[in-house]
Amino acid sequence: MARLAYRVLVLFAHPAFETSKINRRLAEAPQSLEGVTLRDLYQVYPDFDVDVEAEQDSLLEHDVVVFQHPLYWYSAPPLLKQWQDLVLEHGWAYGGGGNALRGKLALHVTTTGASEATYARGATNRFTLAEYLRPFESTALLCGMHYLPPFAVHGTHGLSPAQTEAHVRDYRRLLVALRDSTLDRARAAKVARLNAQLDALIGSSPSTASNGA
């Protein structure tokens, strides 16, 4: 295989993995992909005692950071927040001299039990998914990262096995496109969620020249 354009780190956070359906399957997508590392935070840190140095080293070794988690009360599971609070240190990730993550890509792969239609102004959940993810977007931008729209799977309670498999395939395709830099980031920035128009966003040649490092 040719030299990889990017190395991808998937930070997976699910407090009840044993009862998960869709996230358990989605977590299989990164497996066996060259250049893609899956890090199960709840498996590594069952006591929430995050090894800051190890996590920072892992971030430095990768170019793309994917935060995979279910939406928990309109946010992320608590261990992912703990990870943020401890790992993204002032002077390392942001602030004076804090440029360790500058130029890296960041995005969320998240799931919701409710349908996509409920995440809209005036609907049941009142706001869009992108609005609920704003704090994470702001964090990434503060760290000098390029933030992409999420890969979101809605209505997970009603997914058929065939629909689930389709989402797993699309997630794997996205990871490959991120690794090989064949995702059109300029077009991707304009969509609400990457998997809504994945075919149109994945090209056949590296996109770094036109879309930045």
C-alpha atoms as a PDB file:
ATOM      1  CA  MET A   1       0.000   0.000   0.000  1.00  0.00           C
ATOM      2  CA  ALA A   2       1.177   3.525  -0.775  1.00  0.00           C
ATOM      3  CA  ARG A   3       2.258   5.837   2.012  1.00  0.00           C
ATOM      4  CA  LEU A   4      -0.753   6.871   4.073  1.00  0.00           C
ATOM      5  CA  ALA A   5      -1.812  10.499   3.766  1.00  0.00           C
ATOM      6  CA  TYR A   6      -3.133  10.689   7.326  1.00  0.00           C
ATOM      7  CA  ARG A   7      -3.208   8.555  10.437  1.00  0.00           C
ATOM      8  CA  VAL A   8      -6.643   8.408  12.071  1.00  0.00           C
ATOM      9  CA  LEU A   9      -7.360   8.068  15.803  1.00  0.00           C
ATOM     10  CA  VAL A  10     -10.859   6.992  16.868  1.00  0.00           C
ATOM     11  CA  LEU A  11     -11.571   7.844  20.513  1.00  0.00           C
ATOM     12  CA  PHE A  12     -14.522   5.622  21.372  1.00  0.00           C
ATOM     13  CA  ALA A  13     -16.575   6.423  24.487  1.00  0.00           C
ATOM     14  CA  HIS A  14     -19.593   4.328  25.452  1.00  0.00           C
ATOM     15  CA  PRO A  15     -20.400   3.738  29.148  1.00  0.00           C
ATOM     16  CA  ALA A  16     -22.594   0.692  28.436  1.00  0.00           C
ATOM     17  CA  PHE A  17     -20.878  -1.011  25.534  1.00  0.00           C
ATOM     18  CA  GLU A  18     -22.268  -4.411  26.514  1.00  0.00           C
ATOM     19  CA  THR A  19     -25.842  -3.199  25.873  1.00  0.00           C
ATOM     20  CA  SER A  20     -25.026  -1.165  22.772  1.00  0.00           C
ATOM     21  CA  LYS A  21     -26.328  -2.184  19.378  1.00  0.00           C
ATOM     22  CA  ILE A  22     -25.379   0.409  16.815  1.00  0.00           C
ATOM     23  CA  ASN A  23     -22.190   1.687  18.503  1.00  0.00           C
ATOM     24  CA  ARG A  24     -20.964  -1.845  19.058  1.00  0.00           C
ATOM     25  CA  ARG A  25     -21.284  -2.433  15.329  1.00  0.00           C
ATOM     26  CA  LEU A  26     -19.868   0.957  14.349  1.00  0.00           C
ATOM     27  CA  ALA A  27     -16.827   0.276  16.533  1.00  0.00           C
ATOM     28  CA  GLU A  28     -16.014  -2.632  14.228  1.00  0.00           C
ATOM     29  CA  ALA A  29     -15.550  -0.274  11.261  1.00  0.00           C
ATOM     30  CA  PRO A  30     -12.051   0.948  12.245  1.00  0.00           C
ATOM     31  CA  GLN A  31     -10.782  -2.541  12.978  1.00  0.00           C
ATOM     32  CA  SER A  32      -8.268  -4.001  10.529  1.00  0.00           C
ATOM     33  CA  LEU A  33      -7.938  -0.672   8.695  1.00  0.00           C
ATOM     34  CA  GLU A  34      -4.276   0.210   8.210  1.00  0.00           C
ATOM     35  CA  GLY A  35      -3.497   3.637   9.611  1.00  0.00           C
ATOM     36  CA  VAL A  36      -6.627   3.753  11.781  1.00  0.00           C
ATOM     37  CA  THR A  37      -6.392   3.278  15.563  1.00  0.00           C
ATOM     38  CA  LEU A  38      -9.404   2.570  17.789  1.00  0.00           C
ATOM     39  CA  ARG A  39      -8.990   3.597  21.433  1.00  0.00           C
ATOM     40  CA  ASP A  40     -11.836   2.471  23.723  1.00  0.00           C
ATOM     41  CA  LEU A  41     -11.658   4.995  26.560  1.00  0.00           C
ATOM     42  CA  TYR A  42     -14.002   3.144  28.922  1.00  0.00           C
ATOM     43  CA  GLN A  43     -11.952  -0.015  28.493  1.00  0.00           C
ATOM     44  CA  VAL A  44      -8.649   1.771  29.022  1.00  0.00           C
ATOM     45  CA  TYR A  45      -9.868   3.951  31.910  1.00  0.00           C
ATOM     46  CA  PRO A  46     -12.654   2.171  33.824  1.00  0.00           C
ATOM     47  CA  ASP A  47     -11.730   4.243  36.889  1.00  0.00           C
ATOM     48  CA  PHE A  48     -11.602   7.546  34.915  1.00  0.00           C
ATOM     49  CA  ASP A  49      -7.891   7.892  35.805  1.00  0.00           C
ATOM     50  CA  VAL A  50      -6.805   9.269  32.429  1.00  0.00           C
ATOM     51  CA  ASP A  51      -3.110   8.987  31.573  1.00  0.00           C
ATOM     52  CA  VAL A  52      -2.584  12.478  30.186  1.00  0.00           C
ATOM     53  CA  GLU A  53       0.894  11.862  28.782  1.00  0.00           C
ATOM     54  CA  ALA A  54      -0.180   8.677  27.001  1.00  0.00           C
ATOM     55  CA  GLU A  55      -3.207  10.386  25.477  1.00  0.00           C
ATOM     56  CA  GLN A  56      -1.179  13.364  24.332  1.00  0.00           C
ATOM     57  CA  ASP A  57       1.399  11.064  22.765  1.00  0.00           C
ATOM     58  CA  SER A  58      -1.385   9.264  20.933  1.00  0.00           C
ATOM     59  CA  LEU A  59      -2.757  12.545  19.605  1.00  0.00           C
ATOM     60  CA  LEU A  60       0.676  13.577  18.365  1.00  0.00           C
ATOM     61  CA  GLU A  61       0.985  10.310  16.438  1.00  0.00           C
ATOM     62  CA  HIS A  62      -2.222  10.929  14.472  1.00  0.00           C
ATOM     63  CA  ASP A  63      -3.502  13.542  12.048  1.00  0.00           C
ATOM     64  CA  VAL A  64      -7.268  13.010  12.341  1.00  0.00           C
ATOM     65  CA  VAL A  65      -9.167  12.688  15.642  1.00  0.00           C
ATOM     66  CA  VAL A  66     -12.595  11.057  15.559  1.00  0.00           C
ATOM     67  CA  PHE A  67     -14.746  11.245  18.691  1.00  0.00           C
ATOM     68  CA  GLN A  68     -17.189   8.333  18.523  1.00  0.00           C
ATOM     69  CA  HIS A  69     -19.961   8.248  21.135  1.00  0.00           C
ATOM     70  CA  PRO A  70     -23.714   8.189  21.632  1.00  0.00           C
ATOM     71  CA  LEU A  71     -25.361  11.533  22.380  1.00  0.00           C
ATOM     72  CA  TYR A  72     -25.816  11.569  26.164  1.00  0.00           C
ATOM     73  CA  TRP A  73     -28.266  14.212  27.357  1.00  0.00           C
ATOM     74  CA  TYR A  74     -27.344  16.386  24.386  1.00  0.00           C
ATOM     75  CA  SER A  75     -23.632  15.984  25.022  1.00  0.00           C
ATOM     76  CA  ALA A  76     -20.961  13.294  25.277  1.00  0.00           C
ATOM     77  CA  PRO A  77     -20.512  10.562  27.903  1.00  0.00           C
ATOM     78  CA  PRO A  78     -18.731  11.754  31.077  1.00  0.00           C
ATOM     79  CA  LEU A  79     -15.403  10.047  30.425  1.00  0.00           C
ATOM     80  CA  LEU A  80     -14.987  11.912  27.150  1.00  0.00           C
ATOM     81  CA  LYS A  81     -15.544  15.187  28.992  1.00  0.00           C
ATOM     82  CA  GLN A  82     -13.000  14.077  31.616  1.00  0.00           C
ATOM     83  CA  TRP A  83     -10.592  13.284  28.787  1.00  0.00           C
ATOM     84  CA  GLN A  84     -11.039  16.784  27.362  1.00  0.00           C
ATOM     85  CA  ASP A  85     -10.580  18.489  30.724  1.00  0.00           C
ATOM     86  CA  LEU A  86      -7.318  16.668  31.459  1.00  0.00           C
ATOM     87  CA  VAL A  87      -5.667  16.032  28.102  1.00  0.00           C
ATOM     88  CA  LEU A  88      -6.238  19.365  26.360  1.00  0.00           C
ATOM     89  CA  GLU A  89      -3.915  21.282  28.638  1.00  0.00           C
ATOM     90  CA  HIS A  90      -3.191  24.987  28.455  1.00  0.00           C
ATOM     91  CA  GLY A  91       0.222  25.517  26.917  1.00  0.00           C
ATOM     92  CA  TRP A  92      -0.032  22.208  25.063  1.00  0.00           C
ATOM     93  CA  ALA A  93      -3.335  22.184  23.186  1.00  0.00           C
ATOM     94  CA  TYR A  94      -4.090  25.925  23.354  1.00  0.00           C
ATOM     95  CA  GLY A  95      -2.843  29.166  24.865  1.00  0.00           C
ATOM     96  CA  GLY A  96       0.741  30.397  24.814  1.00  0.00           C
ATOM     97  CA  GLY A  97       2.842  27.776  23.048  1.00  0.00           C
ATOM     98  CA  GLY A  98      -0.116  25.395  22.894  1.00  0.00           C
ATOM     99  CA  ASN A  99      -0.035  24.343  19.273  1.00  0.00           C
ATOM    100  CA  ALA A 100       0.342  20.548  19.506  1.00  0.00           C
ATOM    101  CA  LEU A 101      -2.961  19.920  17.718  1.00  0.00           C
ATOM    102  CA  ARG A 102      -2.816  22.761  15.236  1.00  0.00           C
ATOM    103  CA  GLY A 103      -3.777  21.700  11.721  1.00  0.00           C
ATOM    104  CA  LYS A 104      -5.216  18.319  12.698  1.00  0.00           C
ATOM    105  CA  LEU A 105      -8.743  17.299  11.686  1.00  0.00           C
ATOM    106  CA  ALA A 106     -11.508  16.637  14.218  1.00  0.00           C
ATOM    107  CA  LEU A 107     -15.048  15.313  13.909  1.00  0.00           C
ATOM    108  CA  HIS A 108     -17.728  13.445  15.820  1.00  0.00           C
ATOM    109  CA  VAL A 109     -19.335  10.138  14.987  1.00  0.00           C
ATOM    110  CA  THR A 110     -22.436  10.084  17.118  1.00  0.00           C
ATOM    111  CA  THR A 111     -25.790   8.330  17.463  1.00  0.00           C
ATOM    112  CA  THR A 112     -29.217   9.365  18.699  1.00  0.00           C
ATOM    113  CA  GLY A 113     -32.216   7.281  19.619  1.00  0.00           C
ATOM    114  CA  ALA A 114     -34.605   9.894  18.245  1.00  0.00           C
ATOM    115  CA  SER A 115     -35.094  10.644  14.575  1.00  0.00           C
ATOM    116  CA  GLU A 116     -33.245  13.355  12.699  1.00  0.00           C
ATOM    117  CA  ALA A 117     -36.495  15.310  12.313  1.00  0.00           C
ATOM    118  CA  THR A 118     -36.652  15.847  16.079  1.00  0.00           C
ATOM    119  CA  TYR A 119     -33.313  17.709  16.015  1.00  0.00           C
ATOM    120  CA  ALA A 120     -34.529  20.966  14.507  1.00  0.00           C
ATOM    121  CA  ARG A 121     -35.803  24.363  15.589  1.00  0.00           C
ATOM    122  CA  GLY A 122     -39.369  23.966  16.782  1.00  0.00           C
ATOM    123  CA  ALA A 123     -39.146  20.164  16.967  1.00  0.00           C
ATOM    124  CA  THR A 124     -39.034  17.946  20.054  1.00  0.00           C
ATOM    125  CA  ASN A 125     -35.342  18.511  20.807  1.00  0.00           C
ATOM    126  CA  ARG A 126     -35.564  22.202  19.836  1.00  0.00           C
ATOM    127  CA  PHE A 127     -32.078  22.501  18.320  1.00  0.00           C
ATOM    128  CA  THR A 128     -30.028  20.836  15.609  1.00  0.00           C
ATOM    129  CA  LEU A 129     -27.368  18.257  16.350  1.00  0.00           C
ATOM    130  CA  ALA A 130     -24.719  20.721  15.147  1.00  0.00           C
ATOM    131  CA  GLU A 131     -25.907  23.193  17.777  1.00  0.00           C
ATOM    132  CA  TYR A 132     -25.606  20.604  20.534  1.00  0.00           C
ATOM    133  CA  LEU A 133     -22.055  19.875  19.372  1.00  0.00           C
ATOM    134  CA  ARG A 134     -21.037  23.559  19.388  1.00  0.00           C
ATOM    135  CA  PRO A 135     -18.927  23.274  22.591  1.00  0.00           C
ATOM    136  CA  PHE A 136     -16.862  20.527  20.969  1.00  0.00           C
ATOM    137  CA  GLU A 137     -16.510  22.544  17.795  1.00  0.00           C
ATOM    138  CA  SER A 138     -15.365  25.569  19.817  1.00  0.00           C
ATOM    139  CA  THR A 139     -12.841  23.410  21.651  1.00  0.00           C
ATOM    140  CA  ALA A 140     -11.403  22.062  18.405  1.00  0.00           C
ATOM    141  CA  LEU A 141     -11.160  25.533  16.896  1.00  0.00           C
ATOM    142  CA  LEU A 142      -9.494  26.895  20.037  1.00  0.00           C
ATOM    143  CA  CYS A 143      -6.877  24.177  19.606  1.00  0.00           C
ATOM    144  CA  GLY A 144      -6.314  25.210  15.981  1.00  0.00           C
ATOM    145  CA  MET A 145      -7.943  22.092  14.552  1.00  0.00           C
ATOM    146  CA  HIS A 146     -10.090  21.843  11.422  1.00  0.00           C
ATOM    147  CA  TYR A 147     -13.572  20.770  12.528  1.00  0.00           C
ATOM    148  CA  LEU A 148     -15.794  18.754  10.183  1.00  0.00           C
ATOM    149  CA  PRO A 149     -19.565  18.153  10.412  1.00  0.00           C
ATOM    150  CA  PRO A 150     -20.537  14.948  12.227  1.00  0.00           C
ATOM    151  CA  PHE A 151     -21.231  11.490  10.901  1.00  0.00           C
ATOM    152  CA  ALA A 152     -24.566  11.007  12.658  1.00  0.00           C
ATOM    153  CA  VAL A 153     -26.835   7.985  12.890  1.00  0.00           C
ATOM    154  CA  HIS A 154     -30.319   8.994  14.029  1.00  0.00           C
ATOM    155  CA  GLY A 155     -33.295   6.882  15.075  1.00  0.00           C
ATOM    156  CA  THR A 156     -31.142   4.012  16.289  1.00  0.00           C
ATOM    157  CA  HIS A 157     -34.011   2.331  18.179  1.00  0.00           C
ATOM    158  CA  GLY A 158     -35.775   1.608  14.906  1.00  0.00           C
ATOM    159  CA  LEU A 159     -32.864   0.572  12.696  1.00  0.00           C
ATOM    160  CA  SER A 160     -33.172  -2.678  10.800  1.00  0.00           C
ATOM    161  CA  PRO A 161     -30.163  -5.012  10.533  1.00  0.00           C
ATOM    162  CA  ALA A 162     -29.739  -3.957   6.889  1.00  0.00           C
ATOM    163  CA  GLN A 163     -29.769  -0.268   7.826  1.00  0.00           C
ATOM    164  CA  THR A 164     -27.240  -0.881  10.569  1.00  0.00           C
ATOM    165  CA  GLU A 165     -24.896  -2.660   8.166  1.00  0.00           C
ATOM    166  CA  ALA A 166     -25.217   0.202   5.690  1.00  0.00           C
ATOM    167  CA  HIS A 167     -24.166   2.698   8.369  1.00  0.00           C
ATOM    168  CA  VAL A 168     -21.168   0.526   9.296  1.00  0.00           C
ATOM    169  CA  ARG A 169     -20.093   0.371   5.652  1.00  0.00           C
ATOM    170  CA  ASP A 170     -20.455   4.142   5.279  1.00  0.00           C
ATOM    171  CA  TYR A 171     -18.440   4.762   8.442  1.00  0.00           C
ATOM    172  CA  ARG A 172     -15.666   2.526   7.163  1.00  0.00           C
ATOM    173  CA  ARG A 173     -15.719   4.361   3.826  1.00  0.00           C
ATOM    174  CA  LEU A 174     -15.433   7.682   5.645  1.00  0.00           C
ATOM    175  CA  LEU A 175     -12.462   6.479   7.701  1.00  0.00           C
ATOM    176  CA  VAL A 176     -10.696   5.334   4.547  1.00  0.00           C
ATOM    177  CA  ALA A 177     -11.410   8.676   2.864  1.00  0.00           C
ATOM    178  CA  LEU A 178     -10.065  10.562   5.889  1.00  0.00           C
ATOM    179  CA  ARG A 179      -6.965   8.366   5.964  1.00  0.00           C
ATOM    180  CA  ASP A 180      -6.339   8.701   2.235  1.00  0.00           C
ATOM    181  CA  SER A 181      -7.319  12.389   2.097  1.00  0.00           C
ATOM    182  CA  THR A 182      -9.975  11.778  -0.547  1.00  0.00           C
ATOM    183  CA  LEU A 183     -12.738  13.591   1.341  1.00  0.00           C
ATOM    184  CA  ASP A 184     -13.688  16.908  -0.277  1.00  0.00           C
ATOM    185  CA  ARG A 185     -13.396  19.023   2.852  1.00  0.00           C
ATOM    186  CA  ALA A 186     -14.613  22.218   1.183  1.00  0.00           C
ATOM    187  CA  ARG A 187     -17.898  20.545   0.224  1.00  0.00           C
ATOM    188  CA  ALA A 188     -18.060  18.606   3.487  1.00  0.00           C
ATOM    189  CA  ALA A 189     -18.004  21.817   5.495  1.00  0.00           C
ATOM    190  CA  LYS A 190     -21.324  22.806   3.932  1.00  0.00           C
ATOM    191  CA  VAL A 191     -23.392  19.740   4.882  1.00  0.00           C
ATOM    192  CA  ALA A 192     -25.233  19.044   8.148  1.00  0.00           C
ATOM    193  CA  ARG A 193     -23.836  15.532   8.464  1.00  0.00           C
ATOM    194  CA  LEU A 194     -21.236  13.756   6.385  1.00  0.00           C
ATOM    195  CA  ASN A 195     -23.181  10.549   5.822  1.00  0.00           C
ATOM    196  CA  ALA A 196     -26.079  12.427   4.222  1.00  0.00           C
ATOM    197  CA  GLN A 197     -24.019  13.013   1.058  1.00  0.00           C
ATOM    198  CA  LEU A 198     -21.087  10.660   1.446  1.00  0.00           C
ATOM    199  CA  ASP A 199     -20.953   9.563  -2.201  1.00  0.00           C
ATOM    200  CA  ALA A 200     -20.632  13.165  -3.355  1.00  0.00           C
ATOM    201  CA  LEU A 201     -17.988  13.998  -0.755  1.00  0.00           C
ATOM    202  CA  ILE A 202     -15.559  11.163  -1.397  1.00  0.00           C
ATOM    203  CA  GLY A 203     -13.271  11.665  -4.358  1.00  0.00           C
ATOM    204  CA  SER A 204     -10.495   9.586  -5.831  1.00  0.00           C
ATOM    205  CA  SER A 205      -7.490  11.835  -5.286  1.00  0.00           C
ATOM    206  CA  PRO A 206      -5.939  13.579  -2.270  1.00  0.00           C
ATOM    207  CA  SER A 207      -7.740  16.787  -1.283  1.00  0.00           C
ATOM    208  CA  THR A 208      -5.058  18.360   0.905  1.00  0.00           C
ATOM    209  CA  ALA A 209      -3.744  20.626  -1.816  1.00  0.00           C
ATOM    210  CA  SER A 210      -7.047  22.450  -2.233  1.00  0.00           C
ATOM    211  CA  ASN A 211      -8.381  22.233   1.293  1.00  0.00           C
ATOM    212  CA  GLY A 212      -5.430  22.875   3.594  1.00  0.00           C
ATOM    213  CA  ALA A 213      -3.287  20.711   5.823  1.00  0.00           C
END
